[in-house]
Amino acid sequence: MTIPDNVTSVPDYAFANCAHLSTVIIGNSVTSIGAGAFQRLVSLTTVVISDSVTFIDSYAFSWCTNLVSIVFPNSVTQTGTLIHPQAARCQQPRCLGNHQDARGRACFVSCAP
């Protein structure tokens, strides 16, 4: 699924529990991703986030247990907490930049196959 370029934000829980989504591509006009926007997408394997995104809220990609590839761009300057936990299949996890929540905890790891 591709979020089109005329969309500027993904609302909270917009696609939560959509069991059949396997790929998500965030369009070039999206600047924010809401809380839980893509949580519990059990078929999700790949996420592409455009450089236009500056804010990702809490639990945006949580419990996507088959996620293999996601990279958070350096344009992300604000985050909620625990954006991307529980991705057991995520290969080569790595933290990007100094992305931390308000309490100073690491908010996510990115991964690539």
C-alpha atoms as a PDB file:
ATOM      1  CA  MET A   1       0.000   0.000   0.000  1.00  0.00           C
ATOM      2  CA  THR A   2       1.254   3.458  -0.847  1.00  0.00           C
ATOM      3  CA  ILE A   3       0.126   6.534   1.062  1.00  0.00           C
ATOM      4  CA  PRO A   4      -0.274   9.107  -1.735  1.00  0.00           C
ATOM      5  CA  ASP A   5       1.691  12.331  -1.952  1.00  0.00           C
ATOM      6  CA  ASN A   6      -1.400  14.477  -1.282  1.00  0.00           C
ATOM      7  CA  VAL A   7      -1.717  13.082   2.279  1.00  0.00           C
ATOM      8  CA  THR A   8       0.135  15.065   4.957  1.00  0.00           C
ATOM      9  CA  SER A   9      -0.434  12.885   8.040  1.00  0.00           C
ATOM     10  CA  VAL A  10      -1.402   9.347   8.971  1.00  0.00           C
ATOM     11  CA  PRO A  11      -3.966   9.530  11.811  1.00  0.00           C
ATOM     12  CA  ASP A  12      -3.760   7.569  15.053  1.00  0.00           C
ATOM     13  CA  TYR A  13      -4.623   3.868  14.524  1.00  0.00           C
ATOM     14  CA  ALA A  14      -5.449   4.509  10.842  1.00  0.00           C
ATOM     15  CA  PHE A  15      -4.329   1.066   9.676  1.00  0.00           C
ATOM     16  CA  ALA A  16      -4.062  -0.794  12.996  1.00  0.00           C
ATOM     17  CA  ASN A  17      -4.944  -4.477  12.782  1.00  0.00           C
ATOM     18  CA  CYS A  18      -5.112  -4.545   8.964  1.00  0.00           C
ATOM     19  CA  ALA A  19      -3.993  -8.139   8.728  1.00  0.00           C
ATOM     20  CA  HIS A  20      -3.316  -8.269   4.984  1.00  0.00           C
ATOM     21  CA  LEU A  21      -0.992  -5.288   4.504  1.00  0.00           C
ATOM     22  CA  SER A  22       2.487  -6.567   3.658  1.00  0.00           C
ATOM     23  CA  THR A  23       4.220  -3.405   2.408  1.00  0.00           C
ATOM     24  CA  VAL A  24       3.716   0.232   3.374  1.00  0.00           C
ATOM     25  CA  ILE A  25       5.249   3.122   1.452  1.00  0.00           C
ATOM     26  CA  ILE A  26       4.823   6.542   3.052  1.00  0.00           C
ATOM     27  CA  GLY A  27       4.337   9.299   0.450  1.00  0.00           C
ATOM     28  CA  ASN A  28       6.529  12.371   0.038  1.00  0.00           C
ATOM     29  CA  SER A  29       4.072  14.838   1.628  1.00  0.00           C
ATOM     30  CA  VAL A  30       3.498  12.959   4.887  1.00  0.00           C
ATOM     31  CA  THR A  31       5.091  14.794   7.815  1.00  0.00           C
ATOM     32  CA  SER A  32       3.636  12.849  10.763  1.00  0.00           C
ATOM     33  CA  ILE A  33       2.595   9.316  11.624  1.00  0.00           C
ATOM     34  CA  GLY A  34       0.074   8.984  14.452  1.00  0.00           C
ATOM     35  CA  ALA A  35       0.088   6.766  17.522  1.00  0.00           C
ATOM     36  CA  GLY A  36      -0.469   3.108  16.681  1.00  0.00           C
ATOM     37  CA  ALA A  37      -1.014   4.001  13.019  1.00  0.00           C
ATOM     38  CA  PHE A  38       0.375   0.667  11.800  1.00  0.00           C
ATOM     39  CA  GLN A  39       0.357  -1.439  14.945  1.00  0.00           C
ATOM     40  CA  ARG A  40      -0.427  -5.152  14.842  1.00  0.00           C
ATOM     41  CA  LEU A  41      -0.025  -5.546  11.081  1.00  0.00           C
ATOM     42  CA  VAL A  42       0.880  -9.218  11.282  1.00  0.00           C
ATOM     43  CA  SER A  43       1.642  -9.546   7.545  1.00  0.00           C
ATOM     44  CA  LEU A  44       3.754  -6.401   7.307  1.00  0.00           C
ATOM     45  CA  THR A  45       7.307  -7.143   6.149  1.00  0.00           C
ATOM     46  CA  THR A  46       8.540  -3.874   4.601  1.00  0.00           C
ATOM     47  CA  VAL A  47       8.102  -0.172   5.393  1.00  0.00           C
ATOM     48  CA  VAL A  48       9.528   2.721   3.369  1.00  0.00           C
ATOM     49  CA  ILE A  49       9.322   6.107   5.116  1.00  0.00           C
ATOM     50  CA  SER A  50       9.939   9.259   3.061  1.00  0.00           C
ATOM     51  CA  ASP A  51      12.336  11.995   4.136  1.00  0.00           C
ATOM     52  CA  SER A  52       9.365  14.340   4.618  1.00  0.00           C
ATOM     53  CA  VAL A  53       8.382  12.593   7.877  1.00  0.00           C
ATOM     54  CA  THR A  54       9.510  14.542  10.954  1.00  0.00           C
ATOM     55  CA  PHE A  55       7.314  13.045  13.701  1.00  0.00           C
ATOM     56  CA  ILE A  56       6.389   9.442  14.523  1.00  0.00           C
ATOM     57  CA  ASP A  57       4.119   8.954  17.526  1.00  0.00           C
ATOM     58  CA  SER A  58       4.115   6.181  20.125  1.00  0.00           C
ATOM     59  CA  TYR A  59       3.663   2.545  19.101  1.00  0.00           C
ATOM     60  CA  ALA A  60       3.371   3.469  15.416  1.00  0.00           C
ATOM     61  CA  PHE A  61       4.835   0.136  14.226  1.00  0.00           C
ATOM     62  CA  SER A  62       4.421  -1.961  17.357  1.00  0.00           C
ATOM     63  CA  TRP A  63       3.635  -5.659  17.247  1.00  0.00           C
ATOM     64  CA  CYS A  64       4.372  -5.991  13.544  1.00  0.00           C
ATOM     65  CA  THR A  65       5.889  -9.380  14.245  1.00  0.00           C
ATOM     66  CA  ASN A  66       6.944 -10.226  10.669  1.00  0.00           C
ATOM     67  CA  LEU A  67       8.594  -6.894   9.909  1.00  0.00           C
ATOM     68  CA  VAL A  68      11.934  -7.457   8.181  1.00  0.00           C
ATOM     69  CA  SER A  69      12.833  -4.053   6.719  1.00  0.00           C
ATOM     70  CA  ILE A  70      12.223  -0.539   8.023  1.00  0.00           C
ATOM     71  CA  VAL A  71      14.512   2.477   8.032  1.00  0.00           C
ATOM     72  CA  PHE A  72      13.661   5.662   9.874  1.00  0.00           C
ATOM     73  CA  PRO A  73      15.063   8.679   7.982  1.00  0.00           C
ATOM     74  CA  ASN A  74      17.199  11.296   9.697  1.00  0.00           C
ATOM     75  CA  SER A  75      14.386  13.796   9.036  1.00  0.00           C
ATOM     76  CA  VAL A  76      12.546  12.313  12.043  1.00  0.00           C
ATOM     77  CA  THR A  77      13.247  14.784  14.831  1.00  0.00           C
ATOM     78  CA  GLN A  78      10.406  14.016  17.252  1.00  0.00           C
ATOM     79  CA  THR A  79       9.104  10.671  18.434  1.00  0.00           C
ATOM     80  CA  GLY A  80       6.774   9.102  20.933  1.00  0.00           C
ATOM     81  CA  THR A  81       7.842   6.117  23.025  1.00  0.00           C
ATOM     82  CA  LEU A  82       8.501   2.583  21.839  1.00  0.00           C
ATOM     83  CA  ILE A  83       7.790   3.205  18.190  1.00  0.00           C
ATOM     84  CA  HIS A  84       9.004  -0.150  16.946  1.00  0.00           C
ATOM     85  CA  PRO A  85       9.279  -2.919  19.528  1.00  0.00           C
ATOM     86  CA  GLN A  86       8.480  -6.611  19.083  1.00  0.00           C
ATOM     87  CA  ALA A  87       9.696  -7.077  15.520  1.00  0.00           C
ATOM     88  CA  ALA A  88      11.206 -10.497  16.041  1.00  0.00           C
ATOM     89  CA  ARG A  89      12.158 -11.057  12.398  1.00  0.00           C
ATOM     90  CA  CYS A  90      13.905  -7.723  12.043  1.00  0.00           C
ATOM     91  CA  GLN A  91      17.406  -8.394  10.761  1.00  0.00           C
ATOM     92  CA  GLN A  92      20.447  -6.225  11.475  1.00  0.00           C
ATOM     93  CA  PRO A  93      18.689  -3.917  13.931  1.00  0.00           C
ATOM     94  CA  ARG A  94      20.383  -0.591  14.432  1.00  0.00           C
ATOM     95  CA  CYS A  95      19.583   2.703  16.096  1.00  0.00           C
ATOM     96  CA  LEU A  96      19.665   5.774  13.904  1.00  0.00           C
ATOM     97  CA  GLY A  97      20.813   9.138  15.153  1.00  0.00           C
ATOM     98  CA  ASN A  98      19.869  10.333  18.610  1.00  0.00           C
ATOM     99  CA  HIS A  99      16.205   9.465  18.387  1.00  0.00           C
ATOM    100  CA  GLN A 100      14.985   9.406  21.977  1.00  0.00           C
ATOM    101  CA  ASP A 101      11.697  10.058  23.676  1.00  0.00           C
ATOM    102  CA  ALA A 102      11.124  12.824  26.221  1.00  0.00           C
ATOM    103  CA  ARG A 103      12.503  10.564  28.974  1.00  0.00           C
ATOM    104  CA  GLY A 104      15.765   9.976  27.106  1.00  0.00           C
ATOM    105  CA  ARG A 105      15.056   6.348  26.203  1.00  0.00           C
ATOM    106  CA  ALA A 106      15.775   4.954  22.757  1.00  0.00           C
ATOM    107  CA  CYS A 107      12.543   4.962  20.813  1.00  0.00           C
ATOM    108  CA  PHE A 108      13.214   2.540  18.003  1.00  0.00           C
ATOM    109  CA  VAL A 109      15.649   0.536  16.036  1.00  0.00           C
ATOM    110  CA  SER A 110      15.694   0.362  12.273  1.00  0.00           C
ATOM    111  CA  CYS A 111      16.426  -2.783  10.386  1.00  0.00           C
ATOM    112  CA  ALA A 112      17.332  -3.867   6.910  1.00  0.00           C
ATOM    113  CA  PRO A 113      17.562  -7.319   5.341  1.00  0.00           C
END
